[in-house]
């Protein structure tokens, strides 16, 4: 398991060219803290979209992710950055993207697959600083 600190994440964010963003939407639960960090870094608004797909041991609970809560916002004309901690299969990210179809959305993850990936070199599991 690869340990990452808030400092390492912050330093990587500073070195990454991210798009102009009006609104960061964090995918909960794993993407809540990363989205908060990114929204602060970009001086952007923050909203959450809560989905449930995996249990605490990272095993899928359902055939596809379920949306538990989504923001009810005016998204027209906003540049949106959708953030999650990890996107490996892409199922959760794609389910969230379906809800944002037709809007100007880019994606960011700490590791995995997205338009912007902060730690593309990490292939192993990560010990996130916000998880016990």
N, C-alpha and C. Protein backbone atom coordinates (compact mmCIF):
# COMPACT_ATOMS: atom_id res chain seq x y z
N UNK A 1 0.85 -1.18 0.00
CA UNK A 1 0.00 0.00 0.00
C UNK A 1 0.90 1.25 0.00
N UNK A 2 0.56 2.19 -0.86
CA UNK A 2 1.34 3.42 -0.99
C UNK A 2 0.73 4.51 -0.11
N UNK A 3 1.49 5.02 0.87
CA UNK A 3 0.95 6.12 1.69
C UNK A 3 1.13 7.46 0.98
N UNK A 4 0.11 8.29 1.03
CA UNK A 4 0.19 9.65 0.50
C UNK A 4 -0.23 10.62 1.59
N UNK A 5 0.45 11.75 1.67
CA UNK A 5 0.13 12.76 2.66
C UNK A 5 -0.64 13.91 2.02
N UNK A 6 -1.29 14.72 2.84
CA UNK A 6 -1.95 15.92 2.33
C UNK A 6 -0.93 16.82 1.63
N UNK A 7 0.25 16.89 2.17
CA UNK A 7 1.31 17.73 1.56
C UNK A 7 1.65 17.25 0.15
N UNK A 8 1.80 15.93 -0.01
CA UNK A 8 2.12 15.38 -1.33
C UNK A 8 0.99 15.66 -2.32
N UNK A 9 -0.23 15.52 -1.87
CA UNK A 9 -1.38 15.78 -2.73
C UNK A 9 -1.43 17.25 -3.10
N UNK A 10 -1.21 18.12 -2.13
CA UNK A 10 -1.21 19.56 -2.38
C UNK A 10 -0.11 19.96 -3.35
N UNK A 11 1.08 19.41 -3.17
CA UNK A 11 2.19 19.72 -4.07
C UNK A 11 1.89 19.26 -5.50
N UNK A 12 1.30 18.09 -5.64
CA UNK A 12 0.96 17.59 -6.97
C UNK A 12 -0.10 18.47 -7.63
N UNK A 13 -1.08 18.91 -6.84
CA UNK A 13 -2.12 19.82 -7.36
C UNK A 13 -1.50 21.11 -7.89
N UNK A 14 -0.53 21.65 -7.15
CA UNK A 14 0.12 22.90 -7.56
C UNK A 14 0.87 22.74 -8.88
N UNK A 15 1.36 21.53 -9.16
CA UNK A 15 2.13 21.28 -10.38
C UNK A 15 1.28 20.85 -11.56
N UNK A 16 -0.01 20.61 -11.33
CA UNK A 16 -0.90 20.10 -12.38
C UNK A 16 -1.71 21.24 -12.98
N UNK A 17 -1.69 21.35 -14.29
CA UNK A 17 -2.50 22.35 -14.96
C UNK A 17 -3.93 21.83 -15.09
N UNK A 18 -4.81 22.43 -14.32
CA UNK A 18 -6.21 22.03 -14.34
C UNK A 18 -7.01 23.05 -15.13
N UNK A 19 -8.17 22.63 -15.63
CA UNK A 19 -8.98 23.55 -16.43
C UNK A 19 -9.63 24.64 -15.57
N UNK A 20 -9.98 25.74 -16.21
CA UNK A 20 -10.76 26.77 -15.53
C UNK A 20 -12.05 26.10 -15.05
N UNK A 21 -12.38 26.28 -13.79
CA UNK A 21 -13.49 25.55 -13.18
C UNK A 21 -14.34 26.49 -12.34
N UNK A 22 -15.66 26.42 -12.54
CA UNK A 22 -16.59 27.19 -11.72
C UNK A 22 -17.13 26.35 -10.56
N UNK A 23 -17.30 25.05 -10.82
CA UNK A 23 -17.93 24.17 -9.86
C UNK A 23 -17.22 22.83 -9.81
N UNK A 24 -16.85 22.40 -8.61
CA UNK A 24 -16.30 21.06 -8.40
C UNK A 24 -17.43 20.23 -7.80
N UNK A 25 -17.67 19.06 -8.40
CA UNK A 25 -18.63 18.11 -7.85
C UNK A 25 -17.86 16.89 -7.39
N UNK A 26 -17.93 16.62 -6.10
CA UNK A 26 -17.25 15.47 -5.54
C UNK A 26 -18.17 14.27 -5.51
N UNK A 27 -17.63 13.12 -5.89
CA UNK A 27 -18.39 11.88 -5.84
C UNK A 27 -18.18 11.26 -4.46
N UNK A 28 -19.27 11.17 -3.70
CA UNK A 28 -19.20 10.62 -2.36
C UNK A 28 -19.43 9.13 -2.36
N UNK A 29 -18.70 8.42 -1.56
CA UNK A 29 -18.07 9.04 -0.41
C UNK A 29 -16.58 9.27 -0.59
N UNK A 30 -15.91 8.45 -1.41
CA UNK A 30 -14.46 8.54 -1.54
C UNK A 30 -13.94 9.85 -2.09
N UNK A 31 -14.74 10.54 -2.88
CA UNK A 31 -14.27 11.77 -3.51
C UNK A 31 -14.59 13.03 -2.75
N UNK A 32 -15.20 12.93 -1.57
CA UNK A 32 -15.60 14.13 -0.84
C UNK A 32 -14.38 14.95 -0.41
N UNK A 33 -13.43 14.35 0.26
CA UNK A 33 -12.25 15.09 0.71
C UNK A 33 -11.41 15.56 -0.48
N UNK A 34 -11.11 14.70 -1.47
CA UNK A 34 -10.36 15.19 -2.62
C UNK A 34 -11.05 16.36 -3.32
N UNK A 35 -12.37 16.30 -3.45
CA UNK A 35 -13.10 17.40 -4.10
C UNK A 35 -12.99 18.68 -3.29
N UNK A 36 -13.03 18.57 -1.97
CA UNK A 36 -12.86 19.74 -1.12
C UNK A 36 -11.49 20.38 -1.31
N UNK A 37 -10.47 19.55 -1.38
CA UNK A 37 -9.10 20.04 -1.58
C UNK A 37 -9.00 20.72 -2.94
N UNK A 38 -9.54 20.09 -3.97
CA UNK A 38 -9.47 20.63 -5.33
C UNK A 38 -10.28 21.93 -5.44
N UNK A 39 -11.48 21.96 -4.86
CA UNK A 39 -12.30 23.18 -4.92
C UNK A 39 -11.58 24.33 -4.23
N UNK A 40 -10.96 24.07 -3.10
CA UNK A 40 -10.20 25.10 -2.39
C UNK A 40 -9.05 25.58 -3.25
N UNK A 41 -8.32 24.64 -3.85
CA UNK A 41 -7.17 24.98 -4.70
C UNK A 41 -7.59 25.83 -5.90
N UNK A 42 -8.75 25.52 -6.48
CA UNK A 42 -9.23 26.24 -7.67
C UNK A 42 -10.11 27.45 -7.33
N UNK A 43 -10.38 27.65 -6.05
CA UNK A 43 -11.29 28.72 -5.62
C UNK A 43 -12.63 28.58 -6.34
N UNK A 44 -13.16 27.37 -6.33
CA UNK A 44 -14.42 27.06 -7.02
C UNK A 44 -15.48 26.64 -6.01
N UNK A 45 -16.74 26.69 -6.44
CA UNK A 45 -17.84 26.19 -5.63
C UNK A 45 -17.69 24.67 -5.48
N UNK A 46 -18.31 24.11 -4.44
CA UNK A 46 -18.25 22.67 -4.20
C UNK A 46 -19.64 22.12 -3.95
N UNK A 47 -19.97 21.05 -4.64
CA UNK A 47 -21.21 20.30 -4.41
C UNK A 47 -20.85 18.82 -4.38
N UNK A 48 -21.78 18.01 -3.88
CA UNK A 48 -21.54 16.58 -3.79
C UNK A 48 -22.61 15.79 -4.52
N UNK A 49 -22.20 14.67 -5.10
CA UNK A 49 -23.10 13.68 -5.67
C UNK A 49 -22.74 12.36 -4.99
N UNK A 50 -23.65 11.80 -4.24
CA UNK A 50 -23.35 10.61 -3.46
C UNK A 50 -23.84 9.37 -4.21
N UNK A 51 -22.92 8.45 -4.46
CA UNK A 51 -23.24 7.18 -5.11
C UNK A 51 -22.78 6.05 -4.20
N UNK A 52 -23.41 4.90 -4.34
CA UNK A 52 -23.01 3.74 -3.58
C UNK A 52 -22.81 2.59 -4.55
N UNK A 53 -21.63 1.97 -4.48
CA UNK A 53 -21.34 0.84 -5.36
C UNK A 53 -20.57 -0.26 -4.63
N UNK A 54 -19.61 0.12 -3.80
CA UNK A 54 -18.76 -0.87 -3.14
C UNK A 54 -18.93 -0.83 -1.62
N UNK A 55 -18.64 -1.97 -0.99
CA UNK A 55 -18.68 -2.02 0.47
C UNK A 55 -17.33 -1.60 1.05
N UNK A 56 -17.18 -1.69 2.35
CA UNK A 56 -15.95 -1.25 3.03
C UNK A 56 -14.73 -2.07 2.61
N UNK A 57 -14.95 -3.29 2.14
CA UNK A 57 -13.84 -4.13 1.68
C UNK A 57 -13.60 -3.97 0.18
N UNK A 58 -14.25 -2.98 -0.44
CA UNK A 58 -14.08 -2.65 -1.86
C UNK A 58 -14.72 -3.67 -2.80
N UNK A 59 -15.68 -4.42 -2.33
CA UNK A 59 -16.40 -5.38 -3.17
C UNK A 59 -17.67 -4.73 -3.70
N UNK A 60 -17.99 -4.93 -4.99
CA UNK A 60 -19.23 -4.35 -5.54
C UNK A 60 -20.46 -4.89 -4.80
N UNK A 61 -21.36 -3.97 -4.48
CA UNK A 61 -22.62 -4.33 -3.83
C UNK A 61 -23.74 -4.56 -4.83
N UNK A 62 -23.64 -3.89 -5.97
CA UNK A 62 -24.70 -3.91 -6.97
C UNK A 62 -24.08 -4.11 -8.35
N UNK A 63 -24.94 -4.35 -9.33
CA UNK A 63 -24.47 -4.49 -10.71
C UNK A 63 -23.88 -3.18 -11.22
N UNK A 64 -24.51 -2.07 -10.84
CA UNK A 64 -23.98 -0.76 -11.21
C UNK A 64 -24.19 0.20 -10.04
N UNK A 65 -23.42 1.29 -9.99
CA UNK A 65 -23.55 2.24 -8.88
C UNK A 65 -24.96 2.82 -8.78
N UNK A 66 -25.37 3.08 -7.54
CA UNK A 66 -26.68 3.69 -7.28
C UNK A 66 -26.48 5.12 -6.82
N UNK A 67 -27.29 6.02 -7.35
CA UNK A 67 -27.23 7.42 -6.95
C UNK A 67 -28.10 7.61 -5.72
N UNK A 68 -27.49 8.09 -4.65
CA UNK A 68 -28.21 8.32 -3.40
C UNK A 68 -28.59 9.79 -3.24
N UNK A 69 -27.75 10.67 -3.81
CA UNK A 69 -28.01 12.10 -3.70
C UNK A 69 -27.30 12.81 -4.83
N UNK A 70 -27.99 13.72 -5.49
CA UNK A 70 -27.33 14.51 -6.52
C UNK A 70 -27.70 15.97 -6.34
N UNK A 71 -26.78 16.85 -6.71
CA UNK A 71 -27.07 18.27 -6.53
C UNK A 71 -28.16 18.75 -7.48
N UNK A 72 -29.03 19.60 -6.98
CA UNK A 72 -30.07 20.22 -7.80
C UNK A 72 -29.62 21.65 -8.06
N UNK A 73 -28.88 21.82 -9.13
CA UNK A 73 -28.25 23.10 -9.41
C UNK A 73 -28.55 23.58 -10.82
N UNK A 74 -28.30 24.85 -11.03
CA UNK A 74 -28.30 25.40 -12.39
C UNK A 74 -26.89 25.23 -12.92
N UNK A 75 -26.70 24.31 -13.85
CA UNK A 75 -25.37 23.98 -14.34
C UNK A 75 -25.05 24.61 -15.69
N UNK A 76 -26.05 25.21 -16.33
CA UNK A 76 -25.84 25.80 -17.64
C UNK A 76 -24.72 26.84 -17.58
N UNK A 77 -23.79 26.74 -18.51
CA UNK A 77 -22.71 27.71 -18.62
C UNK A 77 -21.59 27.53 -17.62
N UNK A 78 -21.71 26.57 -16.70
CA UNK A 78 -20.66 26.36 -15.70
C UNK A 78 -19.64 25.35 -16.22
N UNK A 79 -18.40 25.61 -15.86
CA UNK A 79 -17.32 24.67 -16.16
C UNK A 79 -17.17 23.79 -14.93
N UNK A 80 -17.46 22.50 -15.11
CA UNK A 80 -17.56 21.57 -13.98
C UNK A 80 -16.38 20.60 -13.98
N UNK A 81 -15.84 20.37 -12.80
CA UNK A 81 -14.81 19.35 -12.61
C UNK A 81 -15.38 18.31 -11.65
N UNK A 82 -15.56 17.10 -12.16
CA UNK A 82 -16.10 15.98 -11.39
C UNK A 82 -14.93 15.23 -10.76
N UNK A 83 -14.93 15.09 -9.43
CA UNK A 83 -13.76 14.56 -8.71
C UNK A 83 -14.11 13.32 -7.91
N UNK A 84 -13.24 12.30 -8.01
CA UNK A 84 -13.33 11.11 -7.16
C UNK A 84 -11.92 10.75 -6.73
N UNK A 85 -11.81 9.92 -5.70
CA UNK A 85 -10.47 9.52 -5.26
C UNK A 85 -9.83 8.56 -6.25
N UNK A 86 -10.56 7.54 -6.66
CA UNK A 86 -10.03 6.50 -7.55
C UNK A 86 -11.09 6.15 -8.58
N UNK A 87 -10.64 5.91 -9.80
CA UNK A 87 -11.54 5.40 -10.83
C UNK A 87 -10.79 4.31 -11.59
N UNK A 88 -11.12 3.07 -11.28
CA UNK A 88 -10.46 1.94 -11.93
C UNK A 88 -11.34 1.38 -13.05
N UNK A 89 -12.50 0.88 -12.70
CA UNK A 89 -13.41 0.34 -13.72
C UNK A 89 -14.12 1.47 -14.46
N UNK A 90 -14.26 2.62 -13.79
CA UNK A 90 -14.97 3.76 -14.39
C UNK A 90 -16.47 3.72 -14.19
N UNK A 91 -16.99 2.69 -13.52
CA UNK A 91 -18.44 2.57 -13.38
C UNK A 91 -19.05 3.72 -12.58
N UNK A 92 -18.44 4.07 -11.46
CA UNK A 92 -18.98 5.16 -10.65
C UNK A 92 -18.86 6.49 -11.39
N UNK A 93 -17.69 6.76 -11.95
CA UNK A 93 -17.47 8.01 -12.69
C UNK A 93 -18.46 8.12 -13.86
N UNK A 94 -18.64 7.03 -14.60
CA UNK A 94 -19.55 7.06 -15.74
C UNK A 94 -21.01 7.25 -15.32
N UNK A 95 -21.39 6.67 -14.18
CA UNK A 95 -22.76 6.86 -13.68
C UNK A 95 -22.97 8.34 -13.32
N UNK A 96 -21.98 8.94 -12.68
CA UNK A 96 -22.07 10.37 -12.34
C UNK A 96 -22.09 11.21 -13.61
N UNK A 97 -21.27 10.87 -14.59
CA UNK A 97 -21.22 11.63 -15.85
C UNK A 97 -22.56 11.57 -16.60
N UNK A 98 -23.25 10.43 -16.50
CA UNK A 98 -24.57 10.31 -17.14
C UNK A 98 -25.54 11.36 -16.59
N UNK A 99 -25.43 11.67 -15.30
CA UNK A 99 -26.29 12.66 -14.66
C UNK A 99 -25.95 14.09 -15.10
N UNK A 100 -24.75 14.26 -15.64
CA UNK A 100 -24.27 15.58 -16.04
C UNK A 100 -24.17 15.72 -17.56
N UNK A 101 -24.81 14.80 -18.26
CA UNK A 101 -24.78 14.79 -19.72
C UNK A 101 -25.28 16.12 -20.28
N UNK A 102 -24.56 16.64 -21.26
CA UNK A 102 -24.96 17.89 -21.89
C UNK A 102 -24.30 19.12 -21.28
N UNK A 103 -23.57 18.94 -20.17
CA UNK A 103 -22.89 20.05 -19.52
C UNK A 103 -21.39 19.98 -19.79
N UNK A 104 -20.69 21.06 -19.50
CA UNK A 104 -19.25 21.17 -19.71
C UNK A 104 -18.53 20.53 -18.52
N UNK A 105 -18.22 19.24 -18.63
CA UNK A 105 -17.66 18.48 -17.51
C UNK A 105 -16.33 17.85 -17.89
N UNK A 106 -15.36 18.01 -17.02
CA UNK A 106 -14.08 17.31 -17.08
C UNK A 106 -13.99 16.47 -15.80
N UNK A 107 -13.15 15.45 -15.81
CA UNK A 107 -13.02 14.56 -14.66
C UNK A 107 -11.61 14.58 -14.09
N UNK A 108 -11.53 14.36 -12.78
CA UNK A 108 -10.24 14.29 -12.09
C UNK A 108 -10.31 13.21 -11.03
N UNK A 109 -9.27 12.40 -10.96
CA UNK A 109 -9.12 11.43 -9.87
C UNK A 109 -7.71 11.54 -9.31
N UNK A 110 -7.56 11.03 -8.12
CA UNK A 110 -6.22 10.98 -7.53
C UNK A 110 -5.39 9.92 -8.25
N UNK A 111 -6.04 8.78 -8.56
CA UNK A 111 -5.37 7.73 -9.34
C UNK A 111 -6.42 6.99 -10.17
N UNK A 112 -6.00 6.39 -11.26
CA UNK A 112 -6.92 5.63 -12.11
C UNK A 112 -7.11 6.30 -13.46
N UNK A 113 -8.37 6.36 -13.91
CA UNK A 113 -8.70 6.87 -15.24
C UNK A 113 -9.58 8.12 -15.13
N UNK A 114 -9.16 9.19 -15.78
CA UNK A 114 -9.94 10.43 -15.82
C UNK A 114 -9.24 11.38 -16.80
N UNK A 115 -9.87 12.52 -17.05
CA UNK A 115 -9.22 13.53 -17.89
C UNK A 115 -7.93 14.02 -17.24
N UNK A 116 -7.97 14.16 -15.91
CA UNK A 116 -6.81 14.59 -15.13
C UNK A 116 -6.61 13.59 -14.00
N UNK A 117 -5.40 13.05 -13.91
CA UNK A 117 -5.08 12.07 -12.86
C UNK A 117 -3.85 12.60 -12.12
N UNK A 118 -4.00 12.85 -10.83
CA UNK A 118 -2.90 13.44 -10.07
C UNK A 118 -1.72 12.49 -9.88
N UNK A 119 -1.99 11.20 -9.69
CA UNK A 119 -0.92 10.24 -9.45
C UNK A 119 -1.04 9.06 -10.42
N UNK A 120 -0.81 9.30 -11.73
CA UNK A 120 -0.96 8.22 -12.71
C UNK A 120 0.07 7.11 -12.53
N UNK A 121 1.17 7.43 -11.88
CA UNK A 121 2.23 6.43 -11.71
C UNK A 121 1.92 5.40 -10.63
N UNK A 122 0.94 5.67 -9.77
CA UNK A 122 0.60 4.74 -8.69
C UNK A 122 -0.40 3.71 -9.20
N UNK A 123 0.00 2.46 -9.13
CA UNK A 123 -0.86 1.36 -9.57
C UNK A 123 -1.39 0.55 -8.39
N UNK A 124 -0.72 0.65 -7.23
CA UNK A 124 -1.11 -0.11 -6.05
C UNK A 124 -2.22 0.61 -5.28
N UNK A 125 -2.73 -0.05 -4.25
CA UNK A 125 -3.69 0.59 -3.35
C UNK A 125 -2.99 1.73 -2.63
N UNK A 126 -3.78 2.74 -2.24
CA UNK A 126 -3.23 3.92 -1.58
C UNK A 126 -3.77 4.03 -0.16
N UNK A 127 -2.91 4.43 0.76
CA UNK A 127 -3.31 4.77 2.13
C UNK A 127 -3.55 6.28 2.10
N UNK A 128 -4.84 6.66 1.96
CA UNK A 128 -5.21 8.08 1.88
C UNK A 128 -5.11 8.71 3.25
N UNK A 129 -4.68 9.97 3.32
CA UNK A 129 -4.53 10.61 4.62
C UNK A 129 -5.86 10.89 5.33
N UNK A 130 -6.96 10.84 4.62
CA UNK A 130 -8.27 11.10 5.22
C UNK A 130 -9.00 9.83 5.65
N UNK A 131 -8.41 8.69 5.41
CA UNK A 131 -9.04 7.43 5.82
C UNK A 131 -8.25 6.80 6.96
N UNK A 132 -8.97 6.29 7.98
CA UNK A 132 -8.28 5.69 9.13
C UNK A 132 -7.51 4.44 8.77
